[in-house]
Amino acid sequence: MRKLIIALIGLLLLMYLTVTLFVPVPTFVKVQNVVYTLLYPLLTYVYLRRGWKVPLLSLVFFNAGRVSRSVIDAHGHLHPRVWEHLPLLILILLIGFLLWRED
């Protein structure tokens, strides 16, 4: 299970780097993506070496909450860019739930 989680985190990092480098997004989003690309490897390392899941789980579900705002708005309506963010949200949630269930 750990290998799958690591592979999915690698895919997530690749997605963040690709968007940051090649998609015209606001500077704030680029900075946020860079922070995620720094925090995910660091907290994954802590998880693998120390066995501490909570910091990585916290990052994963915080990240899912941030992305979910781009899927459903505060009024319960689909955001105009739902299809661009839905694969990202599904990947983040999959990582979180696999990590949660991992023994």
PDB file of N, CA and C in Angstrom:
ATOM      1  N   MET A   1       0.832  -1.194   0.000  1.00  0.00           N
ATOM      2  CA  MET A   1       0.000   0.000   0.000  1.00  0.00           C
ATOM      3  C   MET A   1       0.875   1.255   0.000  1.00  0.00           C
ATOM      4  N   ARG A   2       2.001   1.210   0.731  1.00  0.00           N
ATOM      5  CA  ARG A   2       2.870   2.395   0.783  1.00  0.00           C
ATOM      6  C   ARG A   2       3.392   2.778  -0.589  1.00  0.00           C
ATOM      7  N   LYS A   3       3.737   1.774  -1.398  1.00  0.00           N
ATOM      8  CA  LYS A   3       4.245   2.065  -2.744  1.00  0.00           C
ATOM      9  C   LYS A   3       3.189   2.774  -3.584  1.00  0.00           C
ATOM     10  N   LEU A   4       1.939   2.350  -3.441  1.00  0.00           N
ATOM     11  CA  LEU A   4       0.841   2.997  -4.166  1.00  0.00           C
ATOM     12  C   LEU A   4       0.664   4.442  -3.697  1.00  0.00           C
ATOM     13  N   ILE A   5       0.702   4.652  -2.397  1.00  0.00           N
ATOM     14  CA  ILE A   5       0.568   6.006  -1.849  1.00  0.00           C
ATOM     15  C   ILE A   5       1.695   6.897  -2.349  1.00  0.00           C
ATOM     16  N   ILE A   6       2.919   6.379  -2.341  1.00  0.00           N
ATOM     17  CA  ILE A   6       4.068   7.161  -2.814  1.00  0.00           C
ATOM     18  C   ILE A   6       3.922   7.479  -4.300  1.00  0.00           C
ATOM     19  N   ALA A   7       3.480   6.498  -5.093  1.00  0.00           N
ATOM     20  CA  ALA A   7       3.285   6.730  -6.526  1.00  0.00           C
ATOM     21  C   ALA A   7       2.219   7.793  -6.773  1.00  0.00           C
ATOM     22  N   LEU A   8       1.131   7.737  -6.029  1.00  0.00           N
ATOM     23  CA  LEU A   8       0.052   8.726  -6.199  1.00  0.00           C
ATOM     24  C   LEU A   8       0.506  10.113  -5.756  1.00  0.00           C
ATOM     25  N   ILE A   9       1.305  10.195  -4.701  1.00  0.00           N
ATOM     26  CA  ILE A   9       1.853  11.486  -4.281  1.00  0.00           C
ATOM     27  C   ILE A   9       2.801  12.017  -5.356  1.00  0.00           C
ATOM     28  N   GLY A  10       3.575  11.136  -5.962  1.00  0.00           N
ATOM     29  CA  GLY A  10       4.434  11.547  -7.083  1.00  0.00           C
ATOM     30  C   GLY A  10       3.627  12.109  -8.238  1.00  0.00           C
ATOM     31  N   LEU A  11       2.512  11.455  -8.564  1.00  0.00           N
ATOM     32  CA  LEU A  11       1.623  11.949  -9.623  1.00  0.00           C
ATOM     33  C   LEU A  11       1.044  13.310  -9.242  1.00  0.00           C
ATOM     34  N   LEU A  12       0.651  13.461  -7.989  1.00  0.00           N
ATOM     35  CA  LEU A  12       0.117  14.737  -7.513  1.00  0.00           C
ATOM     36  C   LEU A  12       1.164  15.848  -7.649  1.00  0.00           C
ATOM     37  N   LEU A  13       2.398  15.545  -7.258  1.00  0.00           N
ATOM     38  CA  LEU A  13       3.473  16.543  -7.388  1.00  0.00           C
ATOM     39  C   LEU A  13       3.699  16.905  -8.846  1.00  0.00           C
ATOM     40  N   LEU A  14       3.666  15.921  -9.726  1.00  0.00           N
ATOM     41  CA  LEU A  14       3.822  16.183 -11.155  1.00  0.00           C
ATOM     42  C   LEU A  14       2.709  17.088 -11.675  1.00  0.00           C
ATOM     43  N   MET A  15       1.487  16.848 -11.208  1.00  0.00           N
ATOM     44  CA  MET A  15       0.362  17.702 -11.610  1.00  0.00           C
ATOM     45  C   MET A  15       0.577  19.140 -11.137  1.00  0.00           C
ATOM     46  N   TYR A  16       0.986  19.305  -9.871  1.00  0.00           N
ATOM     47  CA  TYR A  16       1.205  20.651  -9.353  1.00  0.00           C
ATOM     48  C   TYR A  16       2.334  21.359 -10.095  1.00  0.00           C
ATOM     49  N   LEU A  17       3.413  20.661 -10.364  1.00  0.00           N
ATOM     50  CA  LEU A  17       4.532  21.282 -11.079  1.00  0.00           C
ATOM     51  C   LEU A  17       4.136  21.654 -12.502  1.00  0.00           C
ATOM     52  N   THR A  18       3.404  20.779 -13.171  1.00  0.00           N
ATOM     53  CA  THR A  18       2.983  21.045 -14.545  1.00  0.00           C
ATOM     54  C   THR A  18       2.082  22.274 -14.614  1.00  0.00           C
ATOM     55  N   VAL A  19       1.111  22.350 -13.716  1.00  0.00           N
ATOM     56  CA  VAL A  19       0.211  23.510 -13.699  1.00  0.00           C
ATOM     57  C   VAL A  19       0.994  24.779 -13.386  1.00  0.00           C
ATOM     58  N   THR A  20       1.891  24.707 -12.429  1.00  0.00           N
ATOM     59  CA  THR A  20       2.654  25.885 -12.024  1.00  0.00           C
ATOM     60  C   THR A  20       3.527  26.397 -13.163  1.00  0.00           C
ATOM     61  N   LEU A  21       4.111  25.495 -13.921  1.00  0.00           N
ATOM     62  CA  LEU A  21       5.036  25.903 -14.974  1.00  0.00           C
ATOM     63  C   LEU A  21       4.370  26.239 -16.304  1.00  0.00           C
ATOM     64  N   PHE A  22       3.264  25.580 -16.621  1.00  0.00           N
ATOM     65  CA  PHE A  22       2.739  25.689 -17.982  1.00  0.00           C
ATOM     66  C   PHE A  22       1.326  26.255 -18.124  1.00  0.00           C
ATOM     67  N   VAL A  23       0.621  26.449 -17.034  1.00  0.00           N
ATOM     68  CA  VAL A  23      -0.752  26.953 -17.121  1.00  0.00           C
ATOM     69  C   VAL A  23      -0.788  28.373 -16.567  1.00  0.00           C
ATOM     70  N   PRO A  24      -1.403  29.299 -17.300  1.00  0.00           N
ATOM     71  CA  PRO A  24      -1.482  30.664 -16.781  1.00  0.00           C
ATOM     72  C   PRO A  24      -2.485  30.761 -15.619  1.00  0.00           C
ATOM     73  N   VAL A  25      -1.954  30.743 -14.415  1.00  0.00           N
ATOM     74  CA  VAL A  25      -2.773  30.865 -13.215  1.00  0.00           C
ATOM     75  C   VAL A  25      -2.268  32.055 -12.412  1.00  0.00           C
ATOM     76  N   PRO A  26      -3.083  32.582 -11.513  1.00  0.00           N
ATOM     77  CA  PRO A  26      -2.639  33.720 -10.698  1.00  0.00           C
ATOM     78  C   PRO A  26      -1.396  33.365  -9.867  1.00  0.00           C
ATOM     79  N   THR A  27      -0.636  34.377  -9.539  1.00  0.00           N
ATOM     80  CA  THR A  27       0.603  34.191  -8.778  1.00  0.00           C
ATOM     81  C   THR A  27       0.347  33.482  -7.452  1.00  0.00           C
ATOM     82  N   PHE A  28      -0.751  33.822  -6.780  1.00  0.00           N
ATOM     83  CA  PHE A  28      -1.064  33.175  -5.516  1.00  0.00           C
ATOM     84  C   PHE A  28      -1.180  31.665  -5.682  1.00  0.00           C
ATOM     85  N   VAL A  29      -1.814  31.221  -6.741  1.00  0.00           N
ATOM     86  CA  VAL A  29      -1.979  29.790  -6.991  1.00  0.00           C
ATOM     87  C   VAL A  29      -0.617  29.151  -7.264  1.00  0.00           C
ATOM     88  N   LYS A  30       0.234  29.840  -8.006  1.00  0.00           N
ATOM     89  CA  LYS A  30       1.579  29.321  -8.267  1.00  0.00           C
ATOM     90  C   LYS A  30       2.362  29.164  -6.969  1.00  0.00           C
ATOM     91  N   VAL A  31       2.293  30.171  -6.105  1.00  0.00           N
ATOM     92  CA  VAL A  31       2.997  30.091  -4.814  1.00  0.00           C
ATOM     93  C   VAL A  31       2.431  28.950  -3.976  1.00  0.00           C
ATOM     94  N   GLN A  32       1.138  28.828  -3.952  1.00  0.00           N
ATOM     95  CA  GLN A  32       0.486  27.749  -3.205  1.00  0.00           C
ATOM     96  C   GLN A  32       0.936  26.387  -3.737  1.00  0.00           C
ATOM     97  N   ASN A  33       1.006  26.236  -5.041  1.00  0.00           N
ATOM     98  CA  ASN A  33       1.445  24.978  -5.637  1.00  0.00           C
ATOM     99  C   ASN A  33       2.900  24.668  -5.285  1.00  0.00           C
ATOM    100  N   VAL A  34       3.745  25.687  -5.273  1.00  0.00           N
ATOM    101  CA  VAL A  34       5.146  25.485  -4.893  1.00  0.00           C
ATOM    102  C   VAL A  34       5.240  25.042  -3.429  1.00  0.00           C
ATOM    103  N   VAL A  35       4.454  25.647  -2.577  1.00  0.00           N
ATOM    104  CA  VAL A  35       4.450  25.245  -1.160  1.00  0.00           C
ATOM    105  C   VAL A  35       4.030  23.779  -1.042  1.00  0.00           C
ATOM    106  N   TYR A  36       3.007  23.374  -1.789  1.00  0.00           N
ATOM    107  CA  TYR A  36       2.584  21.970  -1.752  1.00  0.00           C
ATOM    108  C   TYR A  36       3.684  21.050  -2.275  1.00  0.00           C
ATOM    109  N   THR A  37       4.389  21.459  -3.324  1.00  0.00           N
ATOM    110  CA  THR A  37       5.444  20.603  -3.870  1.00  0.00           C
ATOM    111  C   THR A  37       6.642  20.509  -2.928  1.00  0.00           C
ATOM    112  N   LEU A  38       6.751  21.412  -1.990  1.00  0.00           N
ATOM    113  CA  LEU A  38       7.794  21.315  -0.965  1.00  0.00           C
ATOM    114  C   LEU A  38       7.313  20.512   0.247  1.00  0.00           C
ATOM    115  N   LEU A  39       6.066  20.722   0.651  1.00  0.00           N
ATOM    116  CA  LEU A  39       5.548  20.062   1.846  1.00  0.00           C
ATOM    117  C   LEU A  39       5.258  18.572   1.641  1.00  0.00           C
ATOM    118  N   TYR A  40       4.732  18.194   0.487  1.00  0.00           N
ATOM    119  CA  TYR A  40       4.393  16.781   0.284  1.00  0.00           C
ATOM    120  C   TYR A  40       5.609  15.855   0.406  1.00  0.00           C
ATOM    121  N   PRO A  41       6.729  16.144  -0.270  1.00  0.00           N
ATOM    122  CA  PRO A  41       7.885  15.245  -0.091  1.00  0.00           C
ATOM    123  C   PRO A  41       8.418  15.244   1.343  1.00  0.00           C
ATOM    124  N   LEU A  42       8.436  16.407   1.969  1.00  0.00           N
ATOM    125  CA  LEU A  42       8.926  16.489   3.341  1.00  0.00           C
ATOM    126  C   LEU A  42       8.070  15.646   4.284  1.00  0.00           C
ATOM    127  N   LEU A  43       6.769  15.816   4.221  1.00  0.00           N
ATOM    128  CA  LEU A  43       5.881  15.084   5.123  1.00  0.00           C
ATOM    129  C   LEU A  43       5.765  13.607   4.743  1.00  0.00           C
ATOM    130  N   THR A  44       5.953  13.290   3.468  1.00  0.00           N
ATOM    131  CA  THR A  44       5.997  11.880   3.064  1.00  0.00           C
ATOM    132  C   THR A  44       7.245  11.220   3.642  1.00  0.00           C
ATOM    133  N   TYR A  45       8.354  11.923   3.631  1.00  0.00           N
ATOM    134  CA  TYR A  45       9.587  11.416   4.234  1.00  0.00           C
ATOM    135  C   TYR A  45       9.385  11.166   5.736  1.00  0.00           C
ATOM    136  N   VAL A  46       8.772  12.119   6.418  1.00  0.00           N
ATOM    137  CA  VAL A  46       8.503  11.958   7.854  1.00  0.00           C
ATOM    138  C   VAL A  46       7.608  10.742   8.085  1.00  0.00           C
ATOM    139  N   TYR A  47       6.624  10.571   7.233  1.00  0.00           N
ATOM    140  CA  TYR A  47       5.720   9.420   7.345  1.00  0.00           C
ATOM    141  C   TYR A  47       6.479   8.108   7.142  1.00  0.00           C
ATOM    142  N   LEU A  48       7.335   8.051   6.129  1.00  0.00           N
ATOM    143  CA  LEU A  48       8.045   6.813   5.821  1.00  0.00           C
ATOM    144  C   LEU A  48       9.113   6.486   6.863  1.00  0.00           C
ATOM    145  N   ARG A  49       9.802   7.495   7.353  1.00  0.00           N
ATOM    146  CA  ARG A  49      10.908   7.254   8.291  1.00  0.00           C
ATOM    147  C   ARG A  49      10.450   7.119   9.737  1.00  0.00           C
ATOM    148  N   ARG A  50       9.506   7.941  10.134  1.00  0.00           N
ATOM    149  CA  ARG A  50       9.059   7.952  11.532  1.00  0.00           C
ATOM    150  C   ARG A  50       7.730   7.244  11.758  1.00  0.00           C
ATOM    151  N   GLY A  51       6.979   7.044  10.666  1.00  0.00           N
ATOM    152  CA  GLY A  51       5.672   6.415  10.803  1.00  0.00           C
ATOM    153  C   GLY A  51       4.579   7.370  11.260  1.00  0.00           C
ATOM    154  N   TRP A  52       4.868   8.666  11.205  1.00  0.00           N
ATOM    155  CA  TRP A  52       3.885   9.673  11.645  1.00  0.00           C
ATOM    156  C   TRP A  52       2.967  10.017  10.480  1.00  0.00           C
ATOM    157  N   LYS A  53       1.728   9.577  10.549  1.00  0.00           N
ATOM    158  CA  LYS A  53       0.735   9.831   9.503  1.00  0.00           C
ATOM    159  C   LYS A  53       0.056  11.183   9.634  1.00  0.00           C
ATOM    160  N   VAL A  54      -0.115  11.644  10.847  1.00  0.00           N
ATOM    161  CA  VAL A  54      -0.959  12.815  11.098  1.00  0.00           C
ATOM    162  C   VAL A  54      -0.511  14.060  10.323  1.00  0.00           C
ATOM    163  N   PRO A  55       0.783  14.401  10.281  1.00  0.00           N
ATOM    164  CA  PRO A  55       1.148  15.599   9.506  1.00  0.00           C
ATOM    165  C   PRO A  55       0.798  15.484   8.021  1.00  0.00           C
ATOM    166  N   LEU A  56       1.064  14.313   7.427  1.00  0.00           N
ATOM    167  CA  LEU A  56       0.740  14.126   6.011  1.00  0.00           C
ATOM    168  C   LEU A  56      -0.767  14.090   5.789  1.00  0.00           C
ATOM    169  N   LEU A  57      -1.492  13.412   6.661  1.00  0.00           N
ATOM    170  CA  LEU A  57      -2.957  13.392   6.549  1.00  0.00           C
ATOM    171  C   LEU A  57      -3.542  14.797   6.669  1.00  0.00           C
ATOM    172  N   SER A  58      -2.994  15.581   7.572  1.00  0.00           N
ATOM    173  CA  SER A  58      -3.473  16.960   7.745  1.00  0.00           C
ATOM    174  C   SER A  58      -3.273  17.757   6.473  1.00  0.00           C
ATOM    175  N   LEU A  59      -2.102  17.620   5.861  1.00  0.00           N
ATOM    176  CA  LEU A  59      -1.828  18.327   4.605  1.00  0.00           C
ATOM    177  C   LEU A  59      -2.777  17.855   3.509  1.00  0.00           C
ATOM    178  N   VAL A  60      -2.957  16.560   3.403  1.00  0.00           N
ATOM    179  CA  VAL A  60      -3.806  15.999   2.345  1.00  0.00           C
ATOM    180  C   VAL A  60      -5.236  16.525   2.456  1.00  0.00           C
ATOM    181  N   PHE A  61      -5.808  16.458   3.652  1.00  0.00           N
ATOM    182  CA  PHE A  61      -7.204  16.871   3.775  1.00  0.00           C
ATOM    183  C   PHE A  61      -7.367  18.391   3.773  1.00  0.00           C
ATOM    184  N   PHE A  62      -6.364  19.137   4.214  1.00  0.00           N
ATOM    185  CA  PHE A  62      -6.391  20.595   4.052  1.00  0.00           C
ATOM    186  C   PHE A  62      -6.379  20.931   2.569  1.00  0.00           C
ATOM    187  N   ASN A  63      -5.499  20.263   1.834  1.00  0.00           N
ATOM    188  CA  ASN A  63      -5.397  20.472   0.393  1.00  0.00           C
ATOM    189  C   ASN A  63      -6.711  20.122  -0.291  1.00  0.00           C
ATOM    190  N   ALA A  64      -7.332  19.032   0.123  1.00  0.00           N
ATOM    191  CA  ALA A  64      -8.628  18.641  -0.464  1.00  0.00           C
ATOM    192  C   ALA A  64      -9.682  19.714  -0.209  1.00  0.00           C
ATOM    193  N   GLY A  65      -9.673  20.285   0.971  1.00  0.00           N
ATOM    194  CA  GLY A  65     -10.622  21.356   1.279  1.00  0.00           C
ATOM    195  C   GLY A  65     -10.411  22.578   0.409  1.00  0.00           C
ATOM    196  N   ARG A  66      -9.145  22.910   0.174  1.00  0.00           N
ATOM    197  CA  ARG A  66      -8.850  24.071  -0.680  1.00  0.00           C
ATOM    198  C   ARG A  66      -9.316  23.821  -2.114  1.00  0.00           C
ATOM    199  N   VAL A  67      -9.050  22.631  -2.635  1.00  0.00           N
ATOM    200  CA  VAL A  67      -9.433  22.320  -4.018  1.00  0.00           C
ATOM    201  C   VAL A  67     -10.952  22.184  -4.142  1.00  0.00           C
ATOM    202  N   SER A  68     -11.611  21.708  -3.098  1.00  0.00           N
ATOM    203  CA  SER A  68     -13.062  21.512  -3.184  1.00  0.00           C
ATOM    204  C   SER A  68     -13.806  22.817  -3.425  1.00  0.00           C
ATOM    205  N   ARG A  69     -13.207  23.945  -3.007  1.00  0.00           N
ATOM    206  CA  ARG A  69     -13.840  25.248  -3.275  1.00  0.00           C
ATOM    207  C   ARG A  69     -13.916  25.532  -4.765  1.00  0.00           C
ATOM    208  N   SER A  70     -13.057  24.870  -5.548  1.00  0.00           N
ATOM    209  CA  SER A  70     -13.081  25.045  -6.996  1.00  0.00           C
ATOM    210  C   SER A  70     -13.976  24.030  -7.686  1.00  0.00           C
ATOM    211  N   VAL A  71     -14.594  23.157  -6.910  1.00  0.00           N
ATOM    212  CA  VAL A  71     -15.524  22.186  -7.457  1.00  0.00           C
ATOM    213  C   VAL A  71     -16.960  22.595  -7.129  1.00  0.00           C
ATOM    214  N   ILE A  72     -17.214  22.901  -5.870  1.00  0.00           N
ATOM    215  CA  ILE A  72     -18.534  23.351  -5.431  1.00  0.00           C
ATOM    216  C   ILE A  72     -18.348  24.652  -4.665  1.00  0.00           C
ATOM    217  N   ASP A  73     -19.105  25.681  -5.038  1.00  0.00           N
ATOM    218  CA  ASP A  73     -18.951  26.972  -4.365  1.00  0.00           C
ATOM    219  C   ASP A  73     -19.705  26.985  -3.035  1.00  0.00           C
ATOM    220  N   ALA A  74     -19.636  28.100  -2.340  1.00  0.00           N
ATOM    221  CA  ALA A  74     -20.238  28.223  -1.012  1.00  0.00           C
ATOM    222  C   ALA A  74     -21.764  28.113  -1.032  1.00  0.00           C
ATOM    223  N   HIS A  75     -22.368  28.289  -2.195  1.00  0.00           N
ATOM    224  CA  HIS A  75     -23.827  28.215  -2.315  1.00  0.00           C
ATOM    225  C   HIS A  75     -24.304  26.838  -2.771  1.00  0.00           C
ATOM    226  N   GLY A  76     -23.369  25.909  -2.922  1.00  0.00           N
ATOM    227  CA  GLY A  76     -23.728  24.553  -3.324  1.00  0.00           C
ATOM    228  C   GLY A  76     -23.843  24.346  -4.816  1.00  0.00           C
ATOM    229  N   HIS A  77     -23.375  25.296  -5.594  1.00  0.00           N
ATOM    230  CA  HIS A  77     -23.423  25.177  -7.055  1.00  0.00           C
ATOM    231  C   HIS A  77     -22.070  24.733  -7.581  1.00  0.00           C
ATOM    232  N   LEU A  78     -22.093  24.077  -8.728  1.00  0.00           N
ATOM    233  CA  LEU A  78     -20.845  23.681  -9.352  1.00  0.00           C
ATOM    234  C   LEU A  78     -20.097  24.916  -9.834  1.00  0.00           C
ATOM    235  N   HIS A  79     -18.822  24.936  -9.562  1.00  0.00           N
ATOM    236  CA  HIS A  79     -17.959  26.033  -9.996  1.00  0.00           C
ATOM    237  C   HIS A  79     -17.775  25.923 -11.510  1.00  0.00           C
ATOM    238  N   PRO A  80     -17.580  27.051 -12.229  1.00  0.00           N
ATOM    239  CA  PRO A  80     -17.395  26.982 -13.682  1.00  0.00           C
ATOM    240  C   PRO A  80     -16.204  26.113 -14.111  1.00  0.00           C
ATOM    241  N   ARG A  81     -15.201  25.976 -13.258  1.00  0.00           N
ATOM    242  CA  ARG A  81     -14.023  25.175 -13.612  1.00  0.00           C
ATOM    243  C   ARG A  81     -14.015  23.814 -12.912  1.00  0.00           C
ATOM    244  N   VAL A  82     -15.188  23.264 -12.701  1.00  0.00           N
ATOM    245  CA  VAL A  82     -15.308  21.999 -11.973  1.00  0.00           C
ATOM    246  C   VAL A  82     -14.529  20.878 -12.660  1.00  0.00           C
ATOM    247  N   TRP A  83     -14.602  20.781 -13.972  1.00  0.00           N
ATOM    248  CA  TRP A  83     -13.981  19.656 -14.682  1.00  0.00           C
ATOM    249  C   TRP A  83     -12.465  19.743 -14.676  1.00  0.00           C
ATOM    250  N   GLU A  84     -11.924  20.934 -14.477  1.00  0.00           N
ATOM    251  CA  GLU A  84     -10.468  21.086 -14.383  1.00  0.00           C
ATOM    252  C   GLU A  84      -9.958  20.650 -13.012  1.00  0.00           C
ATOM    253  N   HIS A  85     -10.779  20.794 -11.986  1.00  0.00           N
ATOM    254  CA  HIS A  85     -10.340  20.523 -10.621  1.00  0.00           C
ATOM    255  C   HIS A  85     -10.792  19.164 -10.079  1.00  0.00           C
ATOM    256  N   LEU A  86     -11.799  18.566 -10.680  1.00  0.00           N
ATOM    257  CA  LEU A  86     -12.333  17.307 -10.166  1.00  0.00           C
ATOM    258  C   LEU A  86     -11.307  16.166 -10.162  1.00  0.00           C
ATOM    259  N   PRO A  87     -10.517  15.966 -11.233  1.00  0.00           N
ATOM    260  CA  PRO A  87      -9.499  14.900 -11.167  1.00  0.00           C
ATOM    261  C   PRO A  87      -8.486  15.130 -10.044  1.00  0.00           C
ATOM    262  N   LEU A  88      -8.102  16.380  -9.827  1.00  0.00           N
ATOM    263  CA  LEU A  88      -7.175  16.714  -8.750  1.00  0.00           C
ATOM    264  C   LEU A  88      -7.788  16.390  -7.393  1.00  0.00           C
ATOM    265  N   LEU A  89      -9.030  16.767  -7.195  1.00  0.00           N
ATOM    266  CA  LEU A  89      -9.703  16.491  -5.928  1.00  0.00           C
ATOM    267  C   LEU A  89      -9.837  14.989  -5.685  1.00  0.00           C
ATOM    268  N   ILE A  90     -10.182  14.247  -6.714  1.00  0.00           N
ATOM    269  CA  ILE A  90     -10.312  12.790  -6.575  1.00  0.00           C
ATOM    270  C   ILE A  90      -8.966  12.170  -6.207  1.00  0.00           C
ATOM    271  N   LEU A  91      -7.890  12.609  -6.841  1.00  0.00           N
ATOM    272  CA  LEU A  91      -6.564  12.095  -6.535  1.00  0.00           C
ATOM    273  C   LEU A  91      -6.168  12.407  -5.091  1.00  0.00           C
ATOM    274  N   ILE A  92      -6.401  13.622  -4.659  1.00  0.00           N
ATOM    275  CA  ILE A  92      -6.058  14.013  -3.291  1.00  0.00           C
ATOM    276  C   ILE A  92      -6.861  13.187  -2.278  1.00  0.00           C
ATOM    277  N   LEU A  93      -8.149  13.035  -2.512  1.00  0.00           N
ATOM    278  CA  LEU A  93      -8.985  12.241  -1.604  1.00  0.00           C
ATOM    279  C   LEU A  93      -8.576  10.774  -1.607  1.00  0.00           C
ATOM    280  N   LEU A  94      -8.214  10.243  -2.758  1.00  0.00           N
ATOM    281  CA  LEU A  94      -7.757   8.863  -2.836  1.00  0.00           C
ATOM    282  C   LEU A  94      -6.492   8.674  -1.994  1.00  0.00           C
ATOM    283  N   ILE A  95      -5.551   9.597  -2.106  1.00  0.00           N
ATOM    284  CA  ILE A  95      -4.335   9.535  -1.291  1.00  0.00           C
ATOM    285  C   ILE A  95      -4.698   9.573   0.187  1.00  0.00           C
ATOM    286  N   GLY A  96      -5.573  10.481   0.553  1.00  0.00           N
ATOM    287  CA  GLY A  96      -5.961  10.618   1.947  1.00  0.00           C
ATOM    288  C   GLY A  96      -6.623   9.373   2.500  1.00  0.00           C
ATOM    289  N   PHE A  97      -7.541   8.806   1.765  1.00  0.00           N
ATOM    290  CA  PHE A  97      -8.241   7.629   2.263  1.00  0.00           C
ATOM    291  C   PHE A  97      -7.345   6.396   2.289  1.00  0.00           C
ATOM    292  N   LEU A  98      -6.451   6.252   1.307  1.00  0.00           N
ATOM    293  CA  LEU A  98      -5.496   5.143   1.357  1.00  0.00           C
ATOM    294  C   LEU A  98      -4.547   5.290   2.538  1.00  0.00           C
ATOM    295  N   LEU A  99      -4.105   6.495   2.774  1.00  0.00           N
ATOM    296  CA  LEU A  99      -3.217   6.758   3.899  1.00  0.00           C
ATOM    297  C   LEU A  99      -3.936   6.504   5.223  1.00  0.00           C
ATOM    298  N   TRP A 100      -5.175   6.915   5.303  1.00  0.00           N
ATOM    299  CA  TRP A 100      -5.983   6.713   6.504  1.00  0.00           C
ATOM    300  C   TRP A 100      -6.156   5.229   6.820  1.00  0.00           C
ATOM    301  N   ARG A 101      -6.397   4.426   5.767  1.00  0.00           N
ATOM    302  CA  ARG A 101      -6.675   3.006   5.943  1.00  0.00           C
ATOM    303  C   ARG A 101      -5.413   2.164   6.090  1.00  0.00           C
ATOM    304  N   GLU A 102      -4.265   2.715   5.727  1.00  0.00           N
ATOM    305  CA  GLU A 102      -3.023   1.952   5.750  1.00  0.00           C
ATOM    306  C   GLU A 102      -2.620   1.610   7.187  1.00  0.00           C
ATOM    307  N   ASP A 103      -2.207   0.390   7.387  1.00  0.00           N
ATOM    308  CA  ASP A 103      -1.841  -0.048   8.746  1.00  0.00           C
ATOM    309  C   ASP A 103      -0.434   0.301   9.096  1.00  0.00           C
TER     310      ASP A 103
END
